[in-house]
Amino acid sequence: MKVLRGFIYREAVSAVAYVTVGFLALFFFFDLIDELRWVDRGNGGGYTITHALLFVVLSIPSHLYELLPITVLIGTIFVMARLAQSSEFTIMRTSGLGPWRALRTLLVLGGAFVLFTFAVGDYVAPIADRAAQLVKARYLGRLTTGATGAWLRERQEDHSFAVNVRALSPEGNMLDIRIFEFDAEGRLASQTRAASGQFAPGGDGWELAQVDQSRFLQRGANEAHVERINAPKLQWPTRISSEMVSASLLKPDRMATIDLFQYVRHLEANGQSAQKYEIEFWRKVFYPLSCLVMVVLALPFAYLHFRSGGIAGYVFGGVMAGISFFLLNNVFGYAGNLQNWSPWLTAAAPGLIYSLLSLAAFGWLVLRR
């Protein structure tokens, strides 16, 4: 039985790798065509074809993370259907590979794909995507989201702060920072503007540069005083980290799971809406587990009876099933954000639906027939 498991694992991994490389090559081509529009256009030749290629290569891990459940389904369906067509799976069944043992074999394989998907999505893709954005920003401009940049809030004892970061420089420093401080009664206590800022080592606040600060001081019931401070540098204590600022300026699906969790906690602690990021956090949790669903969905194809032809049709069906899963995952994400659905249920719903479909197919085609 160990030999049979090893044979199935080798065939499945080879097929999944082949399909994944094919899809990544297709995405690489389309991304490169899209990036060519920025080459040598109004930037003095700073963004060259080499930079475009580097940006596209660094975007591959993100595509790999998105594609893995789909390619796992297509590759496993191809292997199962081919084994059924050549009667090899029939021989395996007569050698003792029953339905439940076959299911356990594929679940172990799916578990390996789950770990691989999690590692790519949580460690490789965020680092590569951040490097890709910095490459593009270095030669095309700075990282920003529209005209207003990123807005964040923080509470410190009896004061609250509204923080605006207009953009990030290619080196990762903050540009055009505005900090509004409010007292316990909601009145504006100070306004600070800095040309730039960087994150202090060890997360001990921000180091602001070229600071212009106005403090509004109350003297009695009817008298106020404005105190102005100009300083080349100023240390501002805060718990807002670089990951939180990046999350506001970049896409949340490119963040690691722990960074998303910390950002959600920060938003909730400061009274901000965290629905969008909560959904994305639970999607990051459940998305790798969809590889288990895909291998279970592929198992019934090994029990279909045909002698010649038909594999192309089944692989096409696998492609359609994978695309429908991807679309359903996105639709539930948008709908959950708009309708304020429960974040974990919104993220888990596509996987639960396909789990029921795969178990129904397993029960009907494998156990009953």
Protein backbone atom coordinates (compact mmCIF):
# COMPACT_ATOMS: atom_id res chain seq x y z
CA MET A 1 0.00 0.00 0.00
CA LYS A 2 2.92 2.31 0.63
CA VAL A 3 4.00 1.86 -2.98
CA LEU A 4 0.51 2.76 -4.24
CA ARG A 5 0.40 5.88 -2.09
CA GLY A 6 3.81 6.96 -3.31
CA PHE A 7 2.73 6.42 -6.93
CA ILE A 8 -0.44 8.51 -6.48
CA TYR A 9 1.48 11.26 -4.71
CA ARG A 10 4.13 11.47 -7.45
CA GLU A 11 1.57 11.56 -10.24
CA ALA A 12 -0.60 14.14 -8.49
CA VAL A 13 2.28 16.45 -7.54
CA SER A 14 3.68 16.27 -11.08
CA ALA A 15 0.29 17.08 -12.62
CA VAL A 16 -0.39 19.93 -10.20
CA ALA A 17 3.07 21.38 -10.81
CA TYR A 18 2.56 21.17 -14.58
CA VAL A 19 -0.82 22.91 -14.43
CA THR A 20 0.50 25.55 -12.01
CA VAL A 21 3.45 26.40 -14.23
CA GLY A 22 1.09 26.71 -17.21
CA PHE A 23 -1.21 29.11 -15.40
CA LEU A 24 1.69 31.14 -13.99
CA ALA A 25 3.19 31.47 -17.47
CA LEU A 26 -0.15 32.78 -18.72
CA PHE A 27 -0.39 35.32 -15.87
CA PHE A 28 3.25 36.29 -16.42
CA PHE A 29 2.53 37.08 -20.07
CA PHE A 30 -0.57 39.16 -19.33
CA ASP A 31 1.13 41.03 -16.44
CA LEU A 32 4.14 41.82 -18.61
CA ILE A 33 1.92 43.17 -21.40
CA ASP A 34 0.15 45.34 -18.82
CA GLU A 35 3.43 46.64 -17.38
CA LEU A 36 4.86 47.58 -20.78
CA ARG A 37 2.56 50.60 -20.87
CA TRP A 38 4.63 52.16 -18.05
CA VAL A 39 8.02 51.60 -19.67
CA ASP A 40 9.75 54.84 -20.74
CA ARG A 41 6.55 56.87 -20.54
CA GLY A 42 6.94 60.34 -19.09
CA ASN A 43 9.57 59.32 -16.55
CA GLY A 44 12.80 60.02 -18.39
CA GLY A 45 13.46 56.36 -19.05
CA GLY A 46 13.62 55.50 -15.36
CA TYR A 47 11.24 52.54 -15.58
CA THR A 48 12.81 50.13 -18.05
CA ILE A 49 11.89 46.70 -19.36
CA THR A 50 14.20 45.19 -16.73
CA HIS A 51 12.22 46.83 -13.94
CA ALA A 52 8.96 45.69 -15.52
CA LEU A 53 10.26 42.11 -15.66
CA LEU A 54 11.39 42.32 -12.03
CA PHE A 55 7.97 43.62 -10.97
CA VAL A 56 6.17 40.81 -12.82
CA VAL A 57 8.50 38.14 -11.38
CA LEU A 58 7.91 39.45 -7.85
CA SER A 59 4.15 39.25 -8.47
CA ILE A 60 4.33 35.50 -9.17
CA PRO A 61 4.03 34.36 -5.50
CA SER A 62 0.72 36.24 -5.14
CA HIS A 63 -0.64 34.55 -8.27
CA LEU A 64 0.66 31.20 -7.01
CA TYR A 65 -1.25 31.63 -3.74
CA GLU A 66 -4.47 32.48 -5.59
CA LEU A 67 -4.12 29.65 -8.12
CA LEU A 68 -3.06 26.73 -5.91
CA PRO A 69 -6.56 25.44 -4.95
CA ILE A 70 -7.63 25.61 -8.61
CA THR A 71 -4.52 23.89 -9.94
CA VAL A 72 -4.75 21.26 -7.20
CA LEU A 73 -8.28 20.44 -8.37
CA ILE A 74 -7.38 20.34 -12.08
CA GLY A 75 -4.20 18.33 -11.58
CA THR A 76 -5.83 15.80 -9.24
CA ILE A 77 -8.85 15.38 -11.54
CA PHE A 78 -6.50 14.70 -14.47
CA VAL A 79 -4.59 12.05 -12.50
CA MET A 80 -7.72 10.33 -11.17
CA ALA A 81 -9.42 10.30 -14.58
CA ARG A 82 -6.30 9.00 -16.31
CA LEU A 83 -5.90 6.21 -13.76
CA ALA A 84 -9.54 5.25 -14.28
CA GLN A 85 -9.19 5.31 -18.07
CA SER A 86 -6.14 3.04 -18.06
CA SER A 87 -7.78 0.71 -15.49
CA GLU A 88 -4.85 1.30 -13.15
CA PHE A 89 -7.16 2.50 -10.43
CA THR A 90 -9.24 -0.66 -10.84
CA ILE A 91 -6.09 -2.69 -10.18
CA MET A 92 -5.38 -0.56 -7.12
CA ARG A 93 -8.90 -1.25 -5.83
CA THR A 94 -8.43 -4.98 -6.20
CA SER A 95 -5.11 -4.62 -4.35
CA GLY A 96 -6.92 -3.24 -1.29
CA LEU A 97 -7.28 0.48 -1.99
CA GLY A 98 -10.85 0.91 -0.79
CA PRO A 99 -12.84 4.16 -0.92
CA TRP A 100 -12.01 5.26 2.60
CA ARG A 101 -8.33 4.43 2.23
CA ALA A 102 -8.24 6.32 -1.06
CA LEU A 103 -9.91 9.26 0.65
CA ARG A 104 -7.34 9.23 3.46
CA THR A 105 -4.55 9.09 0.87
CA LEU A 106 -5.83 12.15 -0.93
CA LEU A 107 -6.48 14.01 2.33
CA VAL A 108 -2.83 13.57 3.31
CA LEU A 109 -1.87 14.93 -0.09
CA GLY A 110 -4.30 17.80 0.36
CA GLY A 111 -2.83 18.54 3.79
CA ALA A 112 0.61 18.96 2.22
CA PHE A 113 -0.86 21.39 -0.29
CA VAL A 114 -2.58 23.25 2.57
CA LEU A 115 0.75 23.80 4.34
CA PHE A 116 2.42 24.86 1.10
CA THR A 117 -0.39 27.30 0.27
CA PHE A 118 -0.28 28.78 3.78
CA ALA A 119 3.51 29.23 3.61
CA VAL A 120 3.30 30.96 0.22
CA GLY A 121 0.40 33.22 1.23
CA ASP A 122 1.71 34.15 4.68
CA TYR A 123 5.44 34.44 4.15
CA VAL A 124 6.56 34.50 0.52
CA ALA A 125 3.77 36.50 -1.17
CA PRO A 126 3.65 39.48 1.29
CA ILE A 127 7.43 39.97 1.12
CA ALA A 128 7.54 39.63 -2.66
CA ASP A 129 4.55 41.90 -3.20
CA ARG A 130 6.00 44.61 -0.98
CA ALA A 131 9.29 44.40 -2.87
CA ALA A 132 7.40 44.65 -6.18
CA GLN A 133 5.54 47.76 -5.03
CA LEU A 134 8.78 49.37 -3.88
CA VAL A 135 10.43 48.63 -7.24
CA LYS A 136 7.55 50.29 -9.06
CA ALA A 137 7.47 53.23 -6.66
CA ARG A 138 11.20 53.83 -6.96
CA TYR A 139 11.03 54.42 -10.69
CA LEU A 140 7.45 55.63 -11.18
CA GLY A 141 6.67 57.55 -8.01
CA ARG A 142 5.46 57.01 -4.48
CA LEU A 143 2.94 54.58 -3.04
CA THR A 144 -0.44 56.15 -2.35
CA THR A 145 -4.18 55.53 -2.53
CA GLY A 146 -5.86 58.47 -4.18
CA ALA A 147 -5.57 62.10 -3.14
CA THR A 148 -6.12 61.70 0.61
CA GLY A 149 -3.76 58.82 1.38
CA ALA A 150 -4.31 56.66 4.46
CA TRP A 151 -6.32 57.65 7.54
CA LEU A 152 -5.80 55.92 10.89
CA ARG A 153 -7.01 56.49 14.43
CA GLU A 154 -5.45 55.79 17.82
CA ARG A 155 -6.45 56.32 21.45
CA GLN A 156 -3.86 57.12 24.09
CA GLU A 157 -5.23 57.41 27.64
CA ASP A 158 -7.77 60.29 27.55
CA HIS A 159 -6.69 61.65 24.15
CA SER A 160 -7.39 60.40 20.64
CA PHE A 161 -5.51 60.96 17.39
CA ALA A 162 -6.52 61.08 13.75
CA VAL A 163 -3.49 60.39 11.55
CA ASN A 164 -3.15 60.97 7.83
CA VAL A 165 -0.24 59.61 5.79
CA ARG A 166 -0.36 60.87 2.23
CA ALA A 167 2.09 58.36 0.73
CA LEU A 168 5.04 56.03 1.26
CA SER A 169 8.41 56.68 -0.31
CA PRO A 170 10.28 53.95 -2.24
CA GLU A 171 12.47 53.50 0.87
CA GLY A 172 9.41 52.83 3.02
CA ASN A 173 9.34 56.22 4.78
CA MET A 174 6.09 58.14 5.29
CA LEU A 175 5.49 61.38 3.38
CA ASP A 176 3.31 64.40 4.17
CA ILE A 177 2.05 63.39 7.63
CA ARG A 178 -0.75 65.14 9.50
CA ILE A 179 -1.65 64.30 13.11
CA PHE A 180 -4.77 65.74 14.78
CA GLU A 181 -4.99 65.35 18.56
CA PHE A 182 -8.34 65.57 20.37
CA ASP A 183 -8.88 65.87 24.11
CA ALA A 184 -11.34 63.90 26.24
CA GLU A 185 -14.18 66.28 25.33
CA GLY A 186 -13.56 65.89 21.58
CA ARG A 187 -11.96 69.33 21.09
CA LEU A 188 -8.93 69.79 18.86
CA ALA A 189 -5.88 69.95 21.14
CA SER A 190 -3.07 70.07 18.60
CA GLN A 191 -2.29 69.77 14.93
CA THR A 192 1.05 68.42 13.73
CA ARG A 193 2.33 68.40 10.19
CA ALA A 194 5.57 66.74 9.11
CA ALA A 195 7.17 66.54 5.70
CA SER A 196 8.30 62.97 6.33
CA GLY A 197 8.63 60.34 9.00
CA GLN A 198 10.06 56.94 9.67
CA PHE A 199 9.29 54.14 12.08
CA ALA A 200 11.54 54.12 15.13
CA PRO A 201 13.53 50.93 15.75
CA GLY A 202 11.75 48.45 17.98
CA GLY A 203 8.33 49.96 17.33
CA ASP A 204 8.90 52.86 19.77
CA GLY A 205 6.89 55.41 17.81
CA TRP A 206 7.57 57.61 14.80
CA GLU A 207 10.50 59.89 14.09
CA LEU A 208 9.06 62.95 12.34
CA ALA A 209 11.14 65.37 10.27
CA GLN A 210 10.52 69.05 9.38
CA VAL A 211 7.73 69.38 11.92
CA ASP A 212 5.25 72.25 12.20
CA GLN A 213 3.03 71.86 15.27
CA SER A 214 0.19 74.03 16.58
CA ARG A 215 -1.09 73.46 20.12
CA PHE A 216 -4.44 74.93 21.18
CA LEU A 217 -4.29 75.82 24.87
CA GLN A 218 -7.32 76.86 26.91
CA ARG A 219 -6.84 79.72 29.39
CA GLY A 220 -10.01 80.10 31.37
CA ALA A 221 -13.53 79.78 30.08
CA ASN A 222 -13.34 82.34 27.27
CA GLU A 223 -9.68 82.61 26.40
CA ALA A 224 -7.60 80.40 24.13
CA HIS A 225 -3.99 80.49 23.07
CA VAL A 226 -2.21 78.94 20.08
CA GLU A 227 1.36 77.78 20.61
CA ARG A 228 3.44 77.07 17.49
CA ILE A 229 6.46 74.79 17.41
CA ASN A 230 8.85 74.33 14.50
CA ALA A 231 11.41 71.59 14.87
CA PRO A 232 13.70 69.69 12.50
CA LYS A 233 12.84 66.42 14.28
CA LEU A 234 10.20 65.21 16.71
CA GLN A 235 9.57 61.85 18.37
CA TRP A 236 5.88 60.87 18.48
CA PRO A 237 4.98 57.86 20.69
CA THR A 238 2.47 55.59 18.96
CA ARG A 239 1.57 51.93 18.51
CA ILE A 240 0.78 52.36 14.79
CA SER A 241 3.25 50.07 13.04
CA SER A 242 4.57 49.99 9.49
CA GLU A 243 2.29 47.03 8.72
CA MET A 244 -0.78 49.07 9.73
CA VAL A 245 0.20 51.98 7.48
CA SER A 246 0.96 49.59 4.63
CA ALA A 247 -2.41 47.93 5.13
CA SER A 248 -4.14 51.27 4.67
CA LEU A 249 -2.16 52.09 1.54
CA LEU A 250 -1.89 48.62 -0.01
CA LYS A 251 -4.28 45.73 -0.57
CA PRO A 252 -5.19 43.81 2.62
CA ASP A 253 -5.09 40.44 0.82
CA ARG A 254 -1.34 40.89 0.41
CA MET A 255 -0.77 40.98 4.18
CA ALA A 256 0.26 38.10 6.42
CA THR A 257 -2.40 36.57 8.67
CA ILE A 258 -0.83 37.81 11.91
CA ASP A 259 -0.48 41.35 10.49
CA LEU A 260 -4.15 41.35 9.49
CA PHE A 261 -5.16 40.14 12.95
CA GLN A 262 -3.16 42.88 14.65
CA TYR A 263 -4.58 45.50 12.30
CA VAL A 264 -8.15 44.34 13.00
CA ARG A 265 -7.48 44.57 16.73
CA HIS A 266 -6.13 48.09 16.25
CA LEU A 267 -9.20 49.21 14.27
CA GLU A 268 -11.59 47.75 16.83
CA ALA A 269 -9.70 49.31 19.74
CA ASN A 270 -9.98 52.73 18.10
CA GLY A 271 -13.64 52.51 17.10
CA GLN A 272 -13.08 52.06 13.34
CA SER A 273 -14.91 49.71 11.02
CA ALA A 274 -12.94 46.48 10.60
CA GLN A 275 -15.48 44.49 8.53
CA LYS A 276 -13.41 44.49 5.33
CA TYR A 277 -10.24 43.42 7.10
CA GLU A 278 -12.00 40.84 9.27
CA ILE A 279 -13.36 39.16 6.15
CA GLU A 280 -9.91 39.21 4.60
CA PHE A 281 -8.42 37.75 7.80
CA TRP A 282 -10.84 34.81 7.82
CA ARG A 283 -10.31 34.31 4.09
CA LYS A 284 -6.58 33.99 4.78
CA VAL A 285 -7.42 31.39 7.43
CA PHE A 286 -9.83 29.30 5.35
CA TYR A 287 -8.38 29.68 1.85
CA PRO A 288 -5.50 27.16 2.25
CA LEU A 289 -8.01 24.61 3.62
CA SER A 290 -9.81 24.68 0.27
CA CYS A 291 -7.03 22.42 -1.08
CA LEU A 292 -8.52 19.63 1.07
CA VAL A 293 -11.93 20.28 -0.47
CA MET A 294 -10.48 20.13 -3.98
CA VAL A 295 -8.78 16.75 -3.58
CA VAL A 296 -12.00 15.27 -2.15
CA LEU A 297 -13.91 16.72 -5.10
CA ALA A 298 -11.44 15.05 -7.48
CA LEU A 299 -11.68 11.54 -5.97
CA PRO A 300 -15.01 10.51 -7.59
CA PHE A 301 -13.42 10.93 -11.04
CA ALA A 302 -11.37 7.80 -10.35
CA TYR A 303 -14.59 5.75 -10.11
CA LEU A 304 -16.04 6.83 -13.45
CA HIS A 305 -16.10 4.05 -16.04
CA PHE A 306 -14.76 4.81 -19.52
CA ARG A 307 -12.22 3.23 -21.79
CA SER A 308 -11.17 5.90 -24.28
CA GLY A 309 -11.50 9.66 -24.55
CA GLY A 310 -13.35 11.82 -22.11
CA ILE A 311 -10.40 13.07 -20.05
CA ALA A 312 -10.41 16.45 -21.77
CA GLY A 313 -14.07 16.91 -20.87
CA TYR A 314 -13.46 16.05 -17.22
CA VAL A 315 -10.42 18.36 -17.02
CA PHE A 316 -12.53 21.12 -18.57
CA GLY A 317 -15.14 20.45 -15.90
CA GLY A 318 -12.43 20.76 -13.28
CA VAL A 319 -11.35 24.10 -14.75
CA MET A 320 -14.94 25.35 -14.61
CA ALA A 321 -15.33 24.13 -11.02
CA GLY A 322 -12.10 25.86 -10.00
CA ILE A 323 -13.08 29.12 -11.69
CA SER A 324 -16.54 28.99 -10.10
CA PHE A 325 -14.94 28.51 -6.67
CA PHE A 326 -12.67 31.51 -7.24
CA LEU A 327 -15.61 33.66 -8.38
CA LEU A 328 -17.83 32.51 -5.52
CA ASN A 329 -15.07 33.33 -3.05
CA ASN A 330 -14.84 36.87 -4.39
CA VAL A 331 -18.62 37.34 -4.60
CA PHE A 332 -19.08 36.31 -0.97
CA GLY A 333 -16.28 38.68 0.06
CA TYR A 334 -17.90 41.68 -1.62
CA ALA A 335 -21.43 40.74 -0.54
CA GLY A 336 -20.36 40.17 3.05
CA ASN A 337 -18.70 43.56 3.18
CA LEU A 338 -21.75 45.31 1.71
CA GLN A 339 -24.39 43.43 3.73
CA ASN A 340 -22.34 43.34 6.95
CA TRP A 341 -22.47 39.54 7.20
CA SER A 342 -20.54 37.62 9.82
CA PRO A 343 -16.87 37.75 8.66
CA TRP A 344 -15.94 34.15 9.45
CA LEU A 345 -19.12 32.77 7.86
CA THR A 346 -18.61 34.93 4.77
CA ALA A 347 -15.08 33.61 4.36
CA ALA A 348 -15.99 29.98 5.12
CA ALA A 349 -19.18 29.79 3.00
CA PRO A 350 -17.54 28.96 -0.39
CA GLY A 351 -15.45 26.21 1.19
CA LEU A 352 -18.48 24.80 3.04
CA ILE A 353 -20.56 24.76 -0.17
CA TYR A 354 -17.86 22.94 -2.12
CA SER A 355 -17.26 20.58 0.82
CA LEU A 356 -20.91 19.53 0.70
CA LEU A 357 -20.70 19.08 -3.07
CA SER A 358 -17.55 16.98 -2.80
CA LEU A 359 -18.97 14.80 -0.02
CA ALA A 360 -22.21 14.34 -1.97
CA ALA A 361 -20.25 13.31 -5.06
CA PHE A 362 -18.13 10.94 -2.97
CA GLY A 363 -21.18 9.39 -1.36
CA TRP A 364 -23.08 8.95 -4.64
CA LEU A 365 -20.35 7.92 -7.09
CA VAL A 366 -18.02 6.08 -4.73
CA LEU A 367 -20.02 4.54 -1.88
CA ARG A 368 -23.41 3.90 -3.49
CA ARG A 369 -22.18 2.94 -6.94
